[in-house]
Amino acid sequence: MSRGANCEKEASPHWGGAGGRCGRQPRAGFVFFDLLIVLVLLGFMAAVIAPRYFAPDFSGQARLHAARSALANGYMCLNLATISFMADNDGELPQSLADLSPDYMNATQDLGDYTAVYLQGSGEIIIEVYHGPITGQPLARRAFPWP
């Protein structure tokens, strides 16, 4: 019996023949669909892992934003103390920080993780914000016209 006569019987789905053609080798390597799955998995892994290694350092920015928020909180406390002083003194403005201390506010104020320090300037108040106790350079410093 010749090889061609048995070709139809021997053909199987694993031997790459549509219609049982003889003489074909089995498929080797990857097909497009296999490569597509691998690329999708690699893309997903890169999307999950890459931000950990290539993301910018946000801790410095977060600290700066927190210091600015504490600075705004300190300014709000100064305004509230000034308004309270004016309400108690028939609309008279305080002339110095000493007029506000200790009844309305202190020259040093605890703002949670931060400490605000109020300094009297000529026609202005300087608010400095420190992280924790008052040591080193302030995280934020700003002068406001006052009173």
N, C-alpha and C. Protein backbone atom coordinates (compact mmCIF):
# COMPACT_ATOMS: atom_id res chain seq x y z
N MET A 1 0.84 -1.16 0.00
CA MET A 1 0.00 0.00 0.00
C MET A 1 0.89 1.23 0.00
N SER A 2 0.53 2.18 -0.77
CA SER A 2 1.36 3.38 -0.88
C SER A 2 1.06 4.34 0.26
N ARG A 3 1.95 5.26 0.43
CA ARG A 3 1.81 6.23 1.52
C ARG A 3 0.58 7.11 1.28
N GLY A 4 0.28 7.43 0.08
CA GLY A 4 -0.84 8.29 -0.23
C GLY A 4 -2.17 7.65 0.09
N ALA A 5 -2.24 6.34 0.07
CA ALA A 5 -3.51 5.68 0.33
C ALA A 5 -3.87 5.75 1.80
N ASN A 6 -2.89 5.77 2.69
CA ASN A 6 -3.15 5.81 4.12
C ASN A 6 -3.16 7.24 4.68
N CYS A 7 -2.97 8.19 3.86
CA CYS A 7 -2.83 9.58 4.30
C CYS A 7 -4.08 10.07 5.00
N GLU A 8 -5.24 9.80 4.51
CA GLU A 8 -6.47 10.30 5.09
C GLU A 8 -6.69 9.70 6.47
N LYS A 9 -6.35 8.46 6.68
CA LYS A 9 -6.57 7.81 7.96
C LYS A 9 -5.59 8.29 9.01
N GLU A 10 -4.37 8.61 8.61
CA GLU A 10 -3.35 8.99 9.57
C GLU A 10 -3.45 10.46 9.98
N ALA A 11 -4.14 11.26 9.26
CA ALA A 11 -4.19 12.69 9.55
C ALA A 11 -4.88 12.92 10.88
N SER A 12 -4.32 13.74 11.69
CA SER A 12 -4.91 14.09 12.99
C SER A 12 -4.81 15.60 13.17
N PRO A 13 -5.56 16.16 14.09
CA PRO A 13 -5.51 17.60 14.28
C PRO A 13 -4.14 18.09 14.73
N HIS A 14 -3.35 17.22 15.31
CA HIS A 14 -2.04 17.64 15.79
C HIS A 14 -1.02 17.73 14.67
N TRP A 15 -1.29 17.16 13.54
CA TRP A 15 -0.32 17.15 12.46
C TRP A 15 -0.66 18.16 11.39
N GLY A 16 -1.27 19.25 11.80
CA GLY A 16 -1.39 20.45 11.01
C GLY A 16 -2.11 20.35 9.71
N GLY A 17 -2.96 19.49 9.52
CA GLY A 17 -3.59 19.47 8.23
C GLY A 17 -5.06 19.71 8.31
N ALA A 18 -5.49 20.71 7.61
CA ALA A 18 -6.91 20.88 7.45
C ALA A 18 -7.30 19.95 6.33
N GLY A 19 -8.22 19.08 6.58
CA GLY A 19 -8.63 18.13 5.56
C GLY A 19 -7.70 16.94 5.49
N GLY A 20 -6.79 16.77 6.45
CA GLY A 20 -5.93 15.60 6.51
C GLY A 20 -4.89 15.54 5.43
N ARG A 21 -4.33 16.66 5.02
CA ARG A 21 -3.30 16.64 3.98
C ARG A 21 -2.04 16.00 4.53
N CYS A 22 -1.40 15.24 3.71
CA CYS A 22 -0.17 14.56 4.13
C CYS A 22 1.04 15.39 3.78
N GLY A 23 2.14 15.07 4.41
CA GLY A 23 3.40 15.71 4.08
C GLY A 23 3.65 16.99 4.87
N ARG A 24 2.76 17.39 5.74
CA ARG A 24 2.98 18.61 6.54
C ARG A 24 3.68 18.23 7.82
N GLN A 25 4.52 19.13 8.26
CA GLN A 25 5.19 18.95 9.55
C GLN A 25 4.30 19.52 10.65
N PRO A 26 4.47 19.08 11.89
CA PRO A 26 3.69 19.67 12.98
C PRO A 26 4.10 21.14 13.16
N ARG A 27 3.17 21.95 13.65
CA ARG A 27 3.45 23.37 13.85
C ARG A 27 4.44 23.52 14.99
N ALA A 28 5.42 24.36 14.78
CA ALA A 28 6.42 24.62 15.80
C ALA A 28 6.43 26.12 16.08
N GLY A 29 6.73 26.52 17.32
CA GLY A 29 6.81 27.93 17.65
C GLY A 29 5.49 28.48 18.14
N PHE A 30 5.41 29.81 18.15
CA PHE A 30 4.23 30.49 18.65
C PHE A 30 3.39 31.02 17.50
N VAL A 31 2.14 31.09 17.74
CA VAL A 31 1.25 31.74 16.79
C VAL A 31 0.97 33.14 17.30
N PHE A 32 0.35 33.95 16.49
CA PHE A 32 0.10 35.35 16.84
C PHE A 32 -0.69 35.48 18.14
N PHE A 33 -1.66 34.63 18.34
CA PHE A 33 -2.48 34.70 19.56
C PHE A 33 -1.64 34.45 20.81
N ASP A 34 -0.72 33.51 20.76
CA ASP A 34 0.16 33.25 21.90
C ASP A 34 1.02 34.46 22.21
N LEU A 35 1.59 35.07 21.21
CA LEU A 35 2.40 36.27 21.40
C LEU A 35 1.58 37.43 21.96
N LEU A 36 0.35 37.54 21.51
CA LEU A 36 -0.53 38.60 22.00
C LEU A 36 -0.81 38.44 23.49
N ILE A 37 -1.04 37.22 23.93
CA ILE A 37 -1.29 36.96 25.35
C ILE A 37 -0.06 37.31 26.18
N VAL A 38 1.11 36.93 25.70
CA VAL A 38 2.35 37.24 26.42
C VAL A 38 2.56 38.75 26.51
N LEU A 39 2.31 39.48 25.44
CA LEU A 39 2.48 40.93 25.47
C LEU A 39 1.49 41.60 26.41
N VAL A 40 0.26 41.11 26.46
CA VAL A 40 -0.73 41.67 27.38
C VAL A 40 -0.31 41.43 28.82
N LEU A 41 0.17 40.24 29.13
CA LEU A 41 0.63 39.95 30.49
C LEU A 41 1.84 40.80 30.87
N LEU A 42 2.78 40.98 29.98
CA LEU A 42 3.94 41.82 30.25
C LEU A 42 3.52 43.28 30.45
N GLY A 43 2.58 43.74 29.65
CA GLY A 43 2.09 45.11 29.82
C GLY A 43 1.40 45.31 31.16
N PHE A 44 0.63 44.34 31.58
CA PHE A 44 -0.05 44.43 32.87
C PHE A 44 0.97 44.44 34.00
N MET A 45 1.96 43.57 33.94
CA MET A 45 2.99 43.53 34.97
C MET A 45 3.77 44.84 35.01
N ALA A 46 4.08 45.40 33.85
CA ALA A 46 4.81 46.67 33.81
C ALA A 46 3.96 47.79 34.39
N ALA A 47 2.67 47.78 34.14
CA ALA A 47 1.79 48.83 34.67
C ALA A 47 1.68 48.76 36.18
N VAL A 48 1.79 47.58 36.75
CA VAL A 48 1.69 47.42 38.19
C VAL A 48 3.03 47.71 38.87
N ILE A 49 4.11 47.25 38.29
CA ILE A 49 5.42 47.34 38.94
C ILE A 49 6.14 48.66 38.67
N ALA A 50 6.02 49.21 37.49
CA ALA A 50 6.80 50.39 37.11
C ALA A 50 6.58 51.61 38.01
N PRO A 51 5.38 51.93 38.45
CA PRO A 51 5.23 53.12 39.30
C PRO A 51 6.02 53.06 40.60
N ARG A 52 6.27 51.88 41.11
CA ARG A 52 7.06 51.77 42.34
C ARG A 52 8.50 52.20 42.12
N TYR A 53 9.04 51.93 40.95
CA TYR A 53 10.45 52.20 40.71
C TYR A 53 10.71 53.51 39.97
N PHE A 54 9.74 53.98 39.22
CA PHE A 54 9.97 55.16 38.39
C PHE A 54 9.14 56.37 38.78
N ALA A 55 8.33 56.27 39.83
CA ALA A 55 7.48 57.39 40.24
C ALA A 55 8.34 58.45 40.93
N PRO A 56 7.99 59.71 40.77
CA PRO A 56 8.74 60.76 41.46
C PRO A 56 8.52 60.68 42.96
N ASP A 57 9.42 61.27 43.70
CA ASP A 57 9.34 61.27 45.16
C ASP A 57 8.30 62.29 45.61
N PHE A 58 7.18 61.80 46.12
CA PHE A 58 6.11 62.68 46.54
C PHE A 58 6.22 63.07 48.01
N SER A 59 7.14 62.47 48.76
CA SER A 59 7.22 62.78 50.18
C SER A 59 7.64 64.23 50.40
N GLY A 60 8.56 64.75 49.58
CA GLY A 60 8.97 66.15 49.71
C GLY A 60 7.84 67.09 49.36
N GLN A 61 7.09 66.77 48.32
CA GLN A 61 5.95 67.60 47.93
C GLN A 61 4.86 67.54 48.98
N ALA A 62 4.63 66.38 49.55
CA ALA A 62 3.60 66.25 50.59
C ALA A 62 3.98 67.06 51.82
N ARG A 63 5.26 67.04 52.17
CA ARG A 63 5.71 67.81 53.33
C ARG A 63 5.54 69.31 53.07
N LEU A 64 5.83 69.74 51.85
CA LEU A 64 5.68 71.16 51.50
C LEU A 64 4.21 71.57 51.55
N HIS A 65 3.32 70.74 51.03
CA HIS A 65 1.89 71.05 51.07
C HIS A 65 1.37 71.07 52.50
N ALA A 66 1.86 70.15 53.33
CA ALA A 66 1.44 70.14 54.73
C ALA A 66 1.94 71.39 55.45
N ALA A 67 3.16 71.83 55.14
CA ALA A 67 3.69 73.05 55.77
C ALA A 67 2.88 74.27 55.33
N ARG A 68 2.52 74.32 54.06
CA ARG A 68 1.69 75.44 53.58
C ARG A 68 0.31 75.43 54.24
N SER A 69 -0.23 74.25 54.44
CA SER A 69 -1.52 74.14 55.11
C SER A 69 -1.40 74.61 56.56
N ALA A 70 -0.32 74.22 57.23
CA ALA A 70 -0.11 74.67 58.61
C ALA A 70 0.10 76.18 58.65
N LEU A 71 0.75 76.73 57.63
CA LEU A 71 0.94 78.18 57.54
C LEU A 71 -0.40 78.90 57.41
N ALA A 72 -1.27 78.38 56.56
CA ALA A 72 -2.60 78.96 56.41
C ALA A 72 -3.40 78.82 57.70
N ASN A 73 -3.24 77.70 58.39
CA ASN A 73 -3.92 77.49 59.66
C ASN A 73 -3.42 78.50 60.70
N GLY A 74 -2.12 78.75 60.72
CA GLY A 74 -1.56 79.73 61.64
C GLY A 74 -2.08 81.14 61.35
N TYR A 75 -2.19 81.48 60.08
CA TYR A 75 -2.71 82.79 59.70
C TYR A 75 -4.18 82.92 60.11
N MET A 76 -4.94 81.85 59.95
CA MET A 76 -6.34 81.86 60.35
C MET A 76 -6.45 82.05 61.87
N CYS A 77 -5.59 81.39 62.63
CA CYS A 77 -5.61 81.55 64.08
C CYS A 77 -5.27 82.98 64.47
N LEU A 78 -4.32 83.60 63.79
CA LEU A 78 -3.97 85.00 64.05
C LEU A 78 -5.16 85.92 63.78
N ASN A 79 -5.84 85.70 62.67
CA ASN A 79 -7.02 86.51 62.34
C ASN A 79 -8.13 86.34 63.37
N LEU A 80 -8.36 85.10 63.80
CA LEU A 80 -9.40 84.86 64.80
C LEU A 80 -9.05 85.52 66.13
N ALA A 81 -7.78 85.47 66.50
CA ALA A 81 -7.36 86.12 67.74
C ALA A 81 -7.52 87.63 67.63
N THR A 82 -7.20 88.19 66.46
CA THR A 82 -7.35 89.64 66.25
C THR A 82 -8.83 90.04 66.33
N ILE A 83 -9.69 89.26 65.71
CA ILE A 83 -11.13 89.55 65.74
C ILE A 83 -11.67 89.44 67.16
N SER A 84 -11.22 88.41 67.89
CA SER A 84 -11.67 88.26 69.29
C SER A 84 -11.21 89.44 70.13
N PHE A 85 -9.97 89.89 69.92
CA PHE A 85 -9.46 91.05 70.65
C PHE A 85 -10.30 92.28 70.34
N MET A 86 -10.61 92.49 69.04
CA MET A 86 -11.40 93.65 68.64
C MET A 86 -12.82 93.59 69.23
N ALA A 87 -13.40 92.40 69.29
CA ALA A 87 -14.74 92.27 69.85
C ALA A 87 -14.75 92.59 71.34
N ASP A 88 -13.69 92.22 72.04
CA ASP A 88 -13.62 92.48 73.48
C ASP A 88 -13.20 93.91 73.80
N ASN A 89 -12.62 94.64 72.85
CA ASN A 89 -12.08 95.97 73.12
C ASN A 89 -12.73 97.05 72.25
N ASP A 90 -14.00 96.93 71.99
CA ASP A 90 -14.78 97.93 71.27
C ASP A 90 -14.20 98.29 69.90
N GLY A 91 -13.73 97.29 69.16
CA GLY A 91 -13.24 97.51 67.80
C GLY A 91 -11.82 98.03 67.70
N GLU A 92 -11.13 98.15 68.81
CA GLU A 92 -9.74 98.63 68.80
C GLU A 92 -8.81 97.51 68.30
N LEU A 93 -7.90 97.85 67.37
CA LEU A 93 -6.94 96.87 66.86
C LEU A 93 -5.82 96.65 67.86
N PRO A 94 -5.32 95.42 67.94
CA PRO A 94 -4.15 95.19 68.79
C PRO A 94 -2.92 95.87 68.18
N GLN A 95 -2.07 96.43 68.99
CA GLN A 95 -0.89 97.13 68.50
C GLN A 95 0.32 96.22 68.36
N SER A 96 0.31 95.11 69.09
CA SER A 96 1.43 94.17 69.00
C SER A 96 0.94 92.77 69.36
N LEU A 97 1.82 91.81 69.19
CA LEU A 97 1.48 90.44 69.58
C LEU A 97 1.31 90.32 71.08
N ALA A 98 1.96 91.19 71.83
CA ALA A 98 1.84 91.16 73.29
C ALA A 98 0.40 91.45 73.71
N ASP A 99 -0.34 92.22 72.91
CA ASP A 99 -1.74 92.49 73.23
C ASP A 99 -2.60 91.22 73.11
N LEU A 100 -2.21 90.31 72.24
CA LEU A 100 -2.97 89.07 72.05
C LEU A 100 -2.58 87.98 73.03
N SER A 101 -1.40 88.06 73.58
CA SER A 101 -0.90 87.00 74.44
C SER A 101 -1.19 87.34 75.89
N PRO A 102 -1.53 86.45 76.74
CA PRO A 102 -1.84 85.04 76.55
C PRO A 102 -3.33 84.77 76.40
N ASP A 103 -4.15 85.83 76.44
CA ASP A 103 -5.60 85.61 76.44
C ASP A 103 -6.14 85.08 75.12
N TYR A 104 -5.58 85.51 74.00
CA TYR A 104 -6.14 85.16 72.69
C TYR A 104 -5.29 84.13 71.94
N MET A 105 -3.99 84.28 72.03
CA MET A 105 -3.08 83.31 71.41
C MET A 105 -1.68 83.54 71.96
N ASN A 106 -0.84 82.56 71.78
CA ASN A 106 0.56 82.67 72.20
C ASN A 106 1.43 82.93 70.98
N ALA A 107 2.67 83.34 71.24
CA ALA A 107 3.60 83.58 70.14
C ALA A 107 4.04 82.27 69.49
N THR A 108 3.85 81.16 70.19
CA THR A 108 4.14 79.83 69.66
C THR A 108 2.86 79.02 69.78
N GLN A 109 2.50 78.34 68.70
CA GLN A 109 1.24 77.60 68.70
C GLN A 109 1.46 76.20 68.14
N ASP A 110 0.90 75.22 68.82
CA ASP A 110 0.98 73.83 68.37
C ASP A 110 -0.12 73.59 67.35
N LEU A 111 0.28 73.11 66.14
CA LEU A 111 -0.68 72.83 65.07
C LEU A 111 -0.65 71.35 64.71
N GLY A 112 -0.68 70.48 65.68
CA GLY A 112 -0.60 69.05 65.41
C GLY A 112 0.85 68.63 65.24
N ASP A 113 1.22 68.19 64.06
CA ASP A 113 2.61 67.78 63.78
C ASP A 113 3.52 68.98 63.58
N TYR A 114 2.97 70.15 63.49
CA TYR A 114 3.74 71.35 63.18
C TYR A 114 3.62 72.37 64.31
N THR A 115 4.57 73.29 64.35
CA THR A 115 4.55 74.37 65.32
C THR A 115 4.66 75.69 64.58
N ALA A 116 3.76 76.59 64.88
CA ALA A 116 3.78 77.92 64.26
C ALA A 116 4.38 78.91 65.25
N VAL A 117 5.26 79.76 64.73
CA VAL A 117 5.88 80.80 65.53
C VAL A 117 5.51 82.13 64.90
N TYR A 118 5.02 83.06 65.71
CA TYR A 118 4.61 84.38 65.25
C TYR A 118 5.65 85.40 65.70
N LEU A 119 6.16 86.18 64.75
CA LEU A 119 7.16 87.20 65.04
C LEU A 119 6.62 88.56 64.62
N GLN A 120 6.83 89.56 65.45
CA GLN A 120 6.35 90.91 65.16
C GLN A 120 7.39 91.63 64.30
N GLY A 121 6.92 92.18 63.17
CA GLY A 121 7.76 93.03 62.33
C GLY A 121 7.14 94.41 62.28
N SER A 122 7.73 95.30 61.53
CA SER A 122 7.16 96.65 61.44
C SER A 122 5.99 96.61 60.45
N GLY A 123 4.79 96.65 60.97
CA GLY A 123 3.58 96.62 60.15
C GLY A 123 3.28 95.25 59.57
N GLU A 124 3.92 94.21 60.10
CA GLU A 124 3.68 92.86 59.59
C GLU A 124 3.90 91.84 60.69
N ILE A 125 3.34 90.69 60.47
CA ILE A 125 3.56 89.53 61.32
C ILE A 125 4.23 88.48 60.44
N ILE A 126 5.27 87.87 60.95
CA ILE A 126 5.96 86.80 60.24
C ILE A 126 5.57 85.49 60.91
N ILE A 127 5.06 84.58 60.11
CA ILE A 127 4.68 83.27 60.63
C ILE A 127 5.67 82.25 60.07
N GLU A 128 6.30 81.52 60.97
CA GLU A 128 7.22 80.45 60.58
C GLU A 128 6.62 79.13 61.04
N VAL A 129 6.72 78.12 60.21
CA VAL A 129 6.18 76.80 60.53
C VAL A 129 7.34 75.81 60.59
N TYR A 130 7.42 75.09 61.70
CA TYR A 130 8.43 74.06 61.92
C TYR A 130 7.76 72.71 62.04
N HIS A 131 8.48 71.68 61.63
CA HIS A 131 7.96 70.32 61.80
C HIS A 131 8.38 69.85 63.19
N GLY A 132 7.41 69.63 64.05
CA GLY A 132 7.71 69.21 65.41
C GLY A 132 8.22 70.38 66.24
N PRO A 133 9.26 70.15 67.04
CA PRO A 133 9.78 71.24 67.88
C PRO A 133 10.51 72.29 67.03
N ILE A 134 10.76 73.42 67.62
CA ILE A 134 11.37 74.55 66.90
C ILE A 134 12.88 74.34 66.87
N THR A 135 13.35 73.71 65.79
CA THR A 135 14.79 73.51 65.60
C THR A 135 15.11 73.68 64.13
N GLY A 136 16.30 74.15 63.84
CA GLY A 136 16.75 74.26 62.45
C GLY A 136 16.00 75.33 61.68
N GLN A 137 15.92 75.13 60.39
CA GLN A 137 15.25 76.06 59.49
C GLN A 137 13.76 75.77 59.45
N PRO A 138 12.93 76.82 59.32
CA PRO A 138 11.49 76.57 59.21
C PRO A 138 11.15 75.93 57.86
N LEU A 139 10.10 75.14 57.85
CA LEU A 139 9.63 74.54 56.60
C LEU A 139 8.99 75.58 55.71
N ALA A 140 8.30 76.52 56.32
CA ALA A 140 7.64 77.58 55.56
C ALA A 140 7.71 78.87 56.38
N ARG A 141 7.79 79.98 55.66
CA ARG A 141 7.86 81.28 56.32
C ARG A 141 7.16 82.29 55.43
N ARG A 142 6.33 83.12 56.06
CA ARG A 142 5.60 84.12 55.27
C ARG A 142 5.30 85.33 56.14
N ALA A 143 5.36 86.49 55.54
CA ALA A 143 5.04 87.73 56.23
C ALA A 143 3.67 88.21 55.75
N PHE A 144 2.86 88.64 56.71
CA PHE A 144 1.52 89.15 56.44
C PHE A 144 1.41 90.56 57.00
N PRO A 145 0.75 91.47 56.27
CA PRO A 145 0.53 92.80 56.85
C PRO A 145 -0.38 92.69 58.07
N TRP A 146 0.03 93.39 59.15
CA TRP A 146 -0.75 93.29 60.39
C TRP A 146 -0.47 94.50 61.24
N PRO A 147 -1.34 95.07 61.93
CA PRO A 147 -2.76 94.84 62.00
C PRO A 147 -3.50 95.51 60.89
